């Protein structure tokens, strides 16, 4: 990954500003996406855990970590996102510090410092060819039996969700570009402002195993809910029906046939 790539990623989130907080609130499928992330996180985090949160943004999941009564070091590659997080949670006793951090360089932290390293929102998707070294270092700073909880952008789910735009790229730039993106997951080939490395679930599992770690759980971030706004609207007003759907969606997202079907792939992994 080049210096220009890093600057491009930072500039993207600098420009995004407070919109990063709102991205789960734009529609009902976004609310389902948030709920799946939160329920997945709650399975592995307990009160008193010391957590390094990477790519925290303005703090949508920092809020949950505080509610779970953990001790958190909040980090982000964007100074603007970090300042927004600090504005939102400056009065919290659960946060130890706010620090600028690139996921590709966690050398400032000592071996075995944390119970949990959390990298939601796809920080590993911005490591590109440095992903293995970055993930290995996340395991290094964990206590024995500590857990990395994260998400990466999904190659197939993103293609499915943005199919209209993907087909337009093929028409404008030639199908070779679409084919190359699908094969490699590398959005730099599209020459957009938002560059990232997308993954298939098999790619992600191979990456984790290459670090001599094991997958505890994986999940799509959304599946049945991805493009079902009209269907979900009536359900959302009925708490019993809504909870029933959410339980089924959480279950569905963890099935092998659905892991690649969401915009992101969630994972929990552990050494040993």
Protein backbone atom coordinates (compact mmCIF):
# COMPACT_ATOMS: atom_id res chain seq x y z
CA UNK A 1 0.00 0.00 0.00
CA UNK A 2 1.40 3.35 -1.01
CA UNK A 3 1.58 6.59 0.94
CA UNK A 4 -0.92 8.01 -1.55
CA UNK A 5 -3.36 5.19 -0.79
CA UNK A 6 -3.16 5.93 2.95
CA UNK A 7 -3.70 9.63 2.36
CA UNK A 8 -6.66 8.89 0.09
CA UNK A 9 -8.30 6.75 2.77
CA UNK A 10 -7.70 9.36 5.46
CA UNK A 11 -9.02 12.14 3.24
CA UNK A 12 -12.16 10.12 2.49
CA UNK A 13 -13.04 9.82 6.19
CA UNK A 14 -11.99 13.39 6.93
CA UNK A 15 -14.48 14.55 4.30
CA UNK A 16 -17.18 12.16 5.50
CA UNK A 17 -17.19 13.77 8.93
CA UNK A 18 -20.31 13.25 11.03
CA UNK A 19 -22.06 11.36 8.22
CA UNK A 20 -20.20 8.26 9.39
CA UNK A 21 -22.40 8.22 12.51
CA UNK A 22 -25.58 8.35 10.42
CA UNK A 23 -24.87 5.61 7.92
CA UNK A 24 -26.89 2.99 9.83
CA UNK A 25 -29.88 5.33 10.18
CA UNK A 26 -30.67 6.05 6.55
CA UNK A 27 -33.16 3.20 6.21
CA UNK A 28 -34.49 0.05 7.88
CA UNK A 29 -31.94 -2.31 6.28
CA UNK A 30 -29.26 -0.09 7.84
CA UNK A 31 -30.89 -0.53 11.24
CA UNK A 32 -30.79 -4.31 10.77
CA UNK A 33 -27.12 -4.08 9.80
CA UNK A 34 -26.38 -2.18 13.02
CA UNK A 35 -28.33 -4.67 15.11
CA UNK A 36 -26.39 -7.61 13.66
CA UNK A 37 -23.08 -5.88 14.42
CA UNK A 38 -24.16 -5.12 17.98
CA UNK A 39 -25.43 -8.63 18.75
CA UNK A 40 -22.29 -10.18 17.30
CA UNK A 41 -20.08 -7.92 19.41
CA UNK A 42 -22.03 -8.62 22.60
CA UNK A 43 -21.29 -12.35 22.26
CA UNK A 44 -17.57 -11.85 22.82
CA UNK A 45 -17.20 -8.77 25.04
CA UNK A 46 -17.82 -8.65 28.78
CA UNK A 47 -17.73 -5.99 31.48
CA UNK A 48 -14.20 -5.09 32.54
CA UNK A 49 -12.53 -6.08 29.25
CA UNK A 50 -9.80 -3.74 28.04
CA UNK A 51 -10.52 -2.98 24.39
CA UNK A 52 -8.52 -1.39 21.60
CA UNK A 53 -11.04 0.02 19.13
CA UNK A 54 -9.53 0.56 15.68
CA UNK A 55 -11.32 2.71 13.12
CA UNK A 56 -13.79 3.94 15.72
CA UNK A 57 -15.09 6.88 13.71
CA UNK A 58 -17.49 9.14 15.62
CA UNK A 59 -18.31 6.24 17.94
CA UNK A 60 -21.33 4.21 16.95
CA UNK A 61 -19.72 1.12 18.49
CA UNK A 62 -17.77 3.06 21.11
CA UNK A 63 -21.21 3.76 22.55
CA UNK A 64 -21.89 0.03 22.82
CA UNK A 65 -18.48 -0.67 24.37
CA UNK A 66 -19.23 1.94 27.03
CA UNK A 67 -22.65 0.39 27.65
CA UNK A 68 -20.93 -2.98 28.11
CA UNK A 69 -18.71 -1.35 30.77
CA UNK A 70 -15.38 -2.00 29.07
CA UNK A 71 -12.20 0.09 29.23
CA UNK A 72 -11.46 1.48 25.76
CA UNK A 73 -8.61 3.07 23.86
CA UNK A 74 -10.31 4.74 20.90
CA UNK A 75 -8.33 5.07 17.66
CA UNK A 76 -8.83 6.15 14.07
CA UNK A 77 -6.73 7.06 11.05
CA UNK A 78 -8.70 10.31 10.67
CA UNK A 79 -8.09 13.16 13.09
CA UNK A 80 -11.53 14.56 12.25
CA UNK A 81 -13.27 11.28 13.08
CA UNK A 82 -11.27 11.06 16.30
CA UNK A 83 -12.29 14.56 17.36
CA UNK A 84 -15.96 13.73 16.67
CA UNK A 85 -15.63 10.67 18.89
CA UNK A 86 -14.08 12.74 21.65
CA UNK A 87 -16.87 15.31 21.41
CA UNK A 88 -19.45 12.53 21.76
CA UNK A 89 -17.85 10.73 24.71
CA UNK A 90 -15.54 13.21 26.46
CA UNK A 91 -17.39 12.66 29.75
CA UNK A 92 -17.07 8.88 29.72
CA UNK A 93 -14.91 7.28 32.40
CA UNK A 94 -14.66 4.14 30.26
CA UNK A 95 -12.34 5.70 27.68
CA UNK A 96 -8.64 5.74 28.54
CA UNK A 97 -7.50 7.83 25.56
CA UNK A 98 -8.10 8.88 21.96
CA UNK A 99 -5.19 8.21 19.60
CA UNK A 100 -4.42 8.47 15.89
CA UNK A 101 -3.68 4.98 14.59
CA UNK A 102 -3.19 3.18 11.30
CA UNK A 103 -4.13 -0.50 11.56
CA UNK A 104 -0.88 -1.29 9.76
CA UNK A 105 1.17 0.08 12.65
CA UNK A 106 0.17 -0.93 16.19
CA UNK A 107 3.79 -1.08 17.35
CA UNK A 108 3.13 1.50 20.10
CA UNK A 109 1.27 -1.19 22.07
CA UNK A 110 2.97 -3.90 24.09
CA UNK A 111 2.44 -7.65 23.84
CA UNK A 112 -0.67 -8.87 25.67
CA UNK A 113 -2.22 -5.49 26.52
CA UNK A 114 -5.83 -6.11 25.52
CA UNK A 115 -8.65 -8.57 26.05
CA UNK A 116 -10.32 -7.47 22.82
CA UNK A 117 -9.11 -5.76 19.67
CA UNK A 118 -12.11 -4.48 17.76
CA UNK A 119 -11.87 -3.44 14.11
CA UNK A 120 -15.43 -2.87 12.94
CA UNK A 121 -16.21 -0.93 9.78
CA UNK A 122 -13.54 -2.67 7.74
CA UNK A 123 -10.12 -1.36 8.90
CA UNK A 124 -8.47 -4.55 7.61
CA UNK A 125 -9.95 -3.78 4.20
CA UNK A 126 -7.64 -0.76 4.11
CA UNK A 127 -4.48 -2.75 4.81
CA UNK A 128 -4.35 -4.31 1.32
CA UNK A 129 -1.13 -6.36 0.94
CA UNK A 130 -0.17 -5.59 4.56
CA UNK A 131 -3.27 -7.32 5.95
CA UNK A 132 -1.45 -10.42 7.24
CA UNK A 133 1.22 -8.40 9.06
CA UNK A 134 -1.47 -6.08 10.47
CA UNK A 135 -3.62 -8.96 11.72
CA UNK A 136 -0.63 -10.76 13.21
CA UNK A 137 0.19 -7.64 15.19
CA UNK A 138 -3.40 -7.42 16.47
CA UNK A 139 -2.99 -10.93 17.85
CA UNK A 140 0.36 -9.92 19.37
CA UNK A 141 -1.16 -7.20 21.53
CA UNK A 142 -3.90 -9.50 22.83
CA UNK A 143 -3.76 -11.31 26.13
CA UNK A 144 -3.77 -15.13 25.95
CA UNK A 145 -7.20 -16.20 24.66
CA UNK A 146 -7.98 -12.61 23.70
CA UNK A 147 -10.20 -12.05 20.67
CA UNK A 148 -10.02 -9.97 17.51
CA UNK A 149 -13.50 -8.88 16.47
CA UNK A 150 -13.78 -7.15 13.13
CA UNK A 151 -15.38 -6.80 9.76
CA UNK A 152 -14.20 -6.53 6.18
CA UNK A 153 -15.99 -5.41 3.03
CA UNK A 154 -17.58 -8.31 1.15
CA UNK A 155 -16.72 -8.77 -2.52
CA UNK A 156 -19.87 -10.63 -3.52
CA UNK A 157 -22.26 -8.84 -1.19
CA UNK A 158 -21.02 -5.43 -2.33
CA UNK A 159 -21.42 -6.48 -5.96
CA UNK A 160 -24.94 -7.65 -5.18
CA UNK A 161 -25.89 -4.49 -3.28
CA UNK A 162 -24.39 -2.07 -5.82
CA UNK A 163 -25.21 -4.16 -8.90
CA UNK A 164 -26.64 -1.26 -10.89
CA UNK A 165 -23.51 0.81 -10.35
CA UNK A 166 -21.23 -2.17 -10.99
CA UNK A 167 -22.91 -2.83 -14.33
CA UNK A 168 -22.52 0.86 -15.19
CA UNK A 169 -18.78 0.58 -14.50
CA UNK A 170 -18.63 -2.34 -16.89
CA UNK A 171 -20.33 -0.32 -19.60
CA UNK A 172 -18.18 2.75 -19.04
CA UNK A 173 -14.77 1.16 -18.50
CA UNK A 174 -15.17 -2.28 -20.02
CA UNK A 175 -16.09 -5.57 -18.42
CA UNK A 176 -12.43 -6.30 -17.77
CA UNK A 177 -12.53 -3.82 -14.88
CA UNK A 178 -15.57 -5.47 -13.31
CA UNK A 179 -14.07 -8.92 -13.76
CA UNK A 180 -10.77 -7.85 -12.20
CA UNK A 181 -12.54 -6.30 -9.19
CA UNK A 182 -14.62 -9.45 -8.67
CA UNK A 183 -11.55 -11.67 -8.91
CA UNK A 184 -9.24 -9.58 -6.71
CA UNK A 185 -11.64 -7.56 -4.53
CA UNK A 186 -9.38 -4.53 -5.09
CA UNK A 187 -11.48 -1.37 -5.50
CA UNK A 188 -8.40 0.64 -6.43
CA UNK A 189 -9.00 -0.75 -9.91
CA UNK A 190 -12.14 1.40 -10.09
CA UNK A 191 -10.18 4.60 -9.37
CA UNK A 192 -12.78 5.90 -6.91
CA UNK A 193 -12.37 8.08 -3.82
CA UNK A 194 -13.30 5.14 -1.57
CA UNK A 195 -10.63 2.51 -2.08
CA UNK A 196 -10.55 -0.74 -0.14
CA UNK A 197 -9.78 -4.43 -0.37
CA UNK A 198 -12.94 -6.54 -0.42
CA UNK A 199 -12.97 -10.18 0.69
CA UNK A 200 -14.79 -13.41 0.10
CA UNK A 201 -15.42 -15.42 3.27
CA UNK A 202 -12.93 -18.03 2.06
CA UNK A 203 -10.29 -15.28 1.65
CA UNK A 204 -10.92 -14.04 5.18
CA UNK A 205 -10.75 -17.52 6.69
CA UNK A 206 -7.47 -18.16 4.84
CA UNK A 207 -6.04 -14.88 6.13
CA UNK A 208 -6.91 -15.76 9.73
CA UNK A 209 -5.46 -19.26 9.39
CA UNK A 210 -2.27 -17.84 7.87
CA UNK A 211 -1.79 -16.05 11.21
CA UNK A 212 -2.06 -19.42 12.98
CA UNK A 213 -5.34 -18.35 14.50
CA UNK A 214 -8.81 -19.86 14.40
CA UNK A 215 -12.18 -18.50 13.47
CA UNK A 216 -14.60 -18.45 16.40
CA UNK A 217 -17.53 -17.14 14.37
CA UNK A 218 -18.35 -15.43 11.09
CA UNK A 219 -21.46 -13.63 9.90
CA UNK A 220 -22.74 -11.56 7.05
CA UNK A 221 -23.71 -8.04 8.10
CA UNK A 222 -27.06 -8.39 6.35
CA UNK A 223 -28.71 -10.93 4.09
CA UNK A 224 -32.50 -11.13 3.76
CA UNK A 225 -32.71 -7.48 4.83
CA UNK A 226 -30.25 -6.10 2.28
CA UNK A 227 -32.71 -4.82 -0.33
CA UNK A 228 -36.02 -5.40 1.43
CA UNK A 229 -37.13 -1.95 2.54
CA UNK A 230 -40.79 -2.33 1.51
CA UNK A 231 -41.11 -5.74 3.17
CA UNK A 232 -39.46 -4.66 6.42
CA UNK A 233 -41.34 -1.39 6.87
CA UNK A 234 -44.56 -2.98 8.26
CA UNK A 235 -42.57 -5.32 10.52
CA UNK A 236 -40.58 -2.53 12.16
CA UNK A 237 -43.70 -1.10 13.78
CA UNK A 238 -44.54 -4.36 15.55
CA UNK A 239 -41.99 -5.16 18.31
CA UNK A 240 -42.81 -8.87 18.45
CA UNK A 241 -42.68 -9.35 14.67
CA UNK A 242 -39.54 -7.21 14.43
CA UNK A 243 -37.68 -9.21 17.08
CA UNK A 244 -38.74 -12.46 15.42
CA UNK A 245 -37.34 -11.24 12.10
CA UNK A 246 -34.09 -10.04 13.70
CA UNK A 247 -33.49 -13.40 15.37
CA UNK A 248 -34.01 -15.17 12.04
CA UNK A 249 -31.80 -12.68 10.20
CA UNK A 250 -28.97 -13.14 12.73
CA UNK A 251 -29.28 -16.92 12.30
CA UNK A 252 -29.41 -16.66 8.49
CA UNK A 253 -26.36 -14.38 8.31
CA UNK A 254 -24.24 -17.04 10.03
CA UNK A 255 -25.15 -19.83 7.62
CA UNK A 256 -22.35 -20.84 5.22
CA UNK A 257 -24.48 -20.01 2.19
CA UNK A 258 -25.10 -16.46 3.40
CA UNK A 259 -21.66 -15.40 4.69
CA UNK A 260 -20.79 -13.65 1.43
CA UNK A 261 -24.25 -12.16 0.98
CA UNK A 262 -23.94 -8.94 2.99
CA UNK A 263 -22.03 -5.71 2.46
CA UNK A 264 -19.56 -6.76 5.20
CA UNK A 265 -18.31 -10.01 6.70
CA UNK A 266 -18.04 -10.01 10.49
CA UNK A 267 -15.56 -12.27 12.26
CA UNK A 268 -14.23 -13.20 15.67
CA UNK A 269 -10.84 -14.92 15.80
CA UNK A 270 -8.45 -16.17 18.44
CA UNK A 271 -4.92 -17.51 18.65
CA UNK A 272 -4.44 -21.07 19.84
